[in-house]
Amino acid sequence: MIVSKDDLENVVQDAVNRLLEKRENKPEVYLSVEETARRLKVDRSTLWRWNKEGYLTTTKVGNKVRYKLSDVERIQKGEVYE
């Protein structure tokens, strides 16, 4: 099968647009330290270390430390972004 450059670009652009649309329509959910540790089956000290290493960073919501659900799900799926 031969695919033209334009066709390939259109397919890729459509896929990117669909992914961005899904992401923009989904409000971010934030988890507490306890909820995050329970979901990932790790200790709080592991979460602290991961934050220091940049693997799973925290977000401040008011004066509370929170983790983005999307980041937690990324780790659960085994995806790693740097």
C-alpha atoms as a PDB file:
ATOM      1  CA  MET A   1       0.000   0.000   0.000  1.00  0.00           C
ATOM      2  CA  ILE A   2       1.287   3.438  -0.875  1.00  0.00           C
ATOM      3  CA  VAL A   3       0.234   6.439   1.193  1.00  0.00           C
ATOM      4  CA  SER A   4       0.904   9.975   0.114  1.00  0.00           C
ATOM      5  CA  LYS A   5       2.584  12.428   2.429  1.00  0.00           C
ATOM      6  CA  ASP A   6      -0.550  14.592   2.503  1.00  0.00           C
ATOM      7  CA  ASP A   7      -2.777  11.658   3.443  1.00  0.00           C
ATOM      8  CA  LEU A   8      -0.419  10.653   6.240  1.00  0.00           C
ATOM      9  CA  GLU A   9      -0.259  14.216   7.553  1.00  0.00           C
ATOM     10  CA  ASN A  10      -4.068  14.426   7.538  1.00  0.00           C
ATOM     11  CA  VAL A  11      -4.429  11.180   9.479  1.00  0.00           C
ATOM     12  CA  VAL A  12      -1.880  12.256  12.065  1.00  0.00           C
ATOM     13  CA  GLN A  13      -3.410  15.719  12.420  1.00  0.00           C
ATOM     14  CA  ASP A  14      -6.892  14.233  12.890  1.00  0.00           C
ATOM     15  CA  ALA A  15      -5.595  11.901  15.597  1.00  0.00           C
ATOM     16  CA  VAL A  16      -3.816  14.739  17.402  1.00  0.00           C
ATOM     17  CA  ASN A  17      -6.917  16.925  17.231  1.00  0.00           C
ATOM     18  CA  ARG A  18      -9.093  14.154  18.705  1.00  0.00           C
ATOM     19  CA  LEU A  19      -6.645  13.601  21.560  1.00  0.00           C
ATOM     20  CA  LEU A  20      -6.451  17.313  22.326  1.00  0.00           C
ATOM     21  CA  GLU A  21     -10.221  17.607  22.257  1.00  0.00           C
ATOM     22  CA  LYS A  22     -10.593  14.776  24.773  1.00  0.00           C
ATOM     23  CA  ARG A  23      -7.981  16.292  27.043  1.00  0.00           C
ATOM     24  CA  GLU A  24      -9.480  19.789  26.939  1.00  0.00           C
ATOM     25  CA  ASN A  25     -12.980  18.561  27.790  1.00  0.00           C
ATOM     26  CA  LYS A  26     -11.868  16.621  30.860  1.00  0.00           C
ATOM     27  CA  PRO A  27     -11.347  18.717  33.989  1.00  0.00           C
ATOM     28  CA  GLU A  28      -8.301  17.788  36.035  1.00  0.00           C
ATOM     29  CA  VAL A  29      -8.915  15.821  39.222  1.00  0.00           C
ATOM     30  CA  TYR A  30      -6.483  16.104  42.119  1.00  0.00           C
ATOM     31  CA  LEU A  31      -5.741  13.362  44.646  1.00  0.00           C
ATOM     32  CA  SER A  32      -4.462  13.663  48.191  1.00  0.00           C
ATOM     33  CA  VAL A  33      -1.200  12.051  49.234  1.00  0.00           C
ATOM     34  CA  GLU A  34      -3.101   9.220  50.922  1.00  0.00           C
ATOM     35  CA  GLU A  35      -5.321   8.582  47.893  1.00  0.00           C
ATOM     36  CA  THR A  36      -2.316   8.607  45.573  1.00  0.00           C
ATOM     37  CA  ALA A  37      -0.297   6.230  47.754  1.00  0.00           C
ATOM     38  CA  ARG A  38      -3.260   3.851  47.957  1.00  0.00           C
ATOM     39  CA  ARG A  39      -3.857   3.876  44.190  1.00  0.00           C
ATOM     40  CA  LEU A  40      -0.198   3.257  43.373  1.00  0.00           C
ATOM     41  CA  LYS A  41       0.306   0.829  46.288  1.00  0.00           C
ATOM     42  CA  VAL A  42       3.371   2.707  47.532  1.00  0.00           C
ATOM     43  CA  ASP A  43       4.384   4.418  50.752  1.00  0.00           C
ATOM     44  CA  ARG A  44       4.191   8.184  51.271  1.00  0.00           C
ATOM     45  CA  SER A  45       7.986   8.277  51.367  1.00  0.00           C
ATOM     46  CA  THR A  46       8.058   6.839  47.837  1.00  0.00           C
ATOM     47  CA  LEU A  47       5.786   9.647  46.654  1.00  0.00           C
ATOM     48  CA  TRP A  48       8.091  12.180  48.317  1.00  0.00           C
ATOM     49  CA  ARG A  49      11.128  10.658  46.571  1.00  0.00           C
ATOM     50  CA  TRP A  50       9.335  10.533  43.211  1.00  0.00           C
ATOM     51  CA  ASN A  51       8.485  14.216  43.576  1.00  0.00           C
ATOM     52  CA  LYS A  52      12.141  15.069  44.307  1.00  0.00           C
ATOM     53  CA  GLU A  53      13.199  13.042  41.236  1.00  0.00           C
ATOM     54  CA  GLY A  54      10.529  14.651  39.033  1.00  0.00           C
ATOM     55  CA  TYR A  55       8.856  11.297  38.285  1.00  0.00           C
ATOM     56  CA  LEU A  56       5.512  12.246  39.899  1.00  0.00           C
ATOM     57  CA  THR A  57       5.401  15.894  40.839  1.00  0.00           C
ATOM     58  CA  THR A  58       3.059  17.522  43.303  1.00  0.00           C
ATOM     59  CA  THR A  59       0.744  20.445  42.775  1.00  0.00           C
ATOM     60  CA  LYS A  60      -0.270  22.883  45.482  1.00  0.00           C
ATOM     61  CA  VAL A  61      -4.006  23.451  45.780  1.00  0.00           C
ATOM     62  CA  GLY A  62      -4.339  26.151  48.390  1.00  0.00           C
ATOM     63  CA  ASN A  63      -1.985  25.008  51.117  1.00  0.00           C
ATOM     64  CA  LYS A  64      -2.465  21.300  50.390  1.00  0.00           C
ATOM     65  CA  VAL A  65      -0.226  18.973  48.405  1.00  0.00           C
ATOM     66  CA  ARG A  66      -2.059  17.166  45.618  1.00  0.00           C
ATOM     67  CA  TYR A  67      -1.246  14.846  42.719  1.00  0.00           C
ATOM     68  CA  LYS A  68      -2.915  15.052  39.314  1.00  0.00           C
ATOM     69  CA  LEU A  69      -5.072  12.010  38.592  1.00  0.00           C
ATOM     70  CA  SER A  70      -3.845  12.054  34.984  1.00  0.00           C
ATOM     71  CA  ASP A  71      -0.225  11.707  36.212  1.00  0.00           C
ATOM     72  CA  VAL A  72      -1.179   8.854  38.548  1.00  0.00           C
ATOM     73  CA  GLU A  73      -3.008   7.055  35.729  1.00  0.00           C
ATOM     74  CA  ARG A  74       0.024   7.549  33.468  1.00  0.00           C
ATOM     75  CA  ILE A  75       2.189   5.739  36.015  1.00  0.00           C
ATOM     76  CA  GLN A  76      -0.389   2.991  36.465  1.00  0.00           C
ATOM     77  CA  LYS A  77      -0.314   2.393  32.706  1.00  0.00           C
ATOM     78  CA  GLY A  78       3.481   2.265  32.749  1.00  0.00           C
ATOM     79  CA  GLU A  79       3.904   5.412  30.650  1.00  0.00           C
ATOM     80  CA  VAL A  80       6.822   7.637  31.489  1.00  0.00           C
ATOM     81  CA  TYR A  81       7.224  11.219  30.235  1.00  0.00           C
ATOM     82  CA  GLU A  82      10.249  13.345  30.922  1.00  0.00           C
END
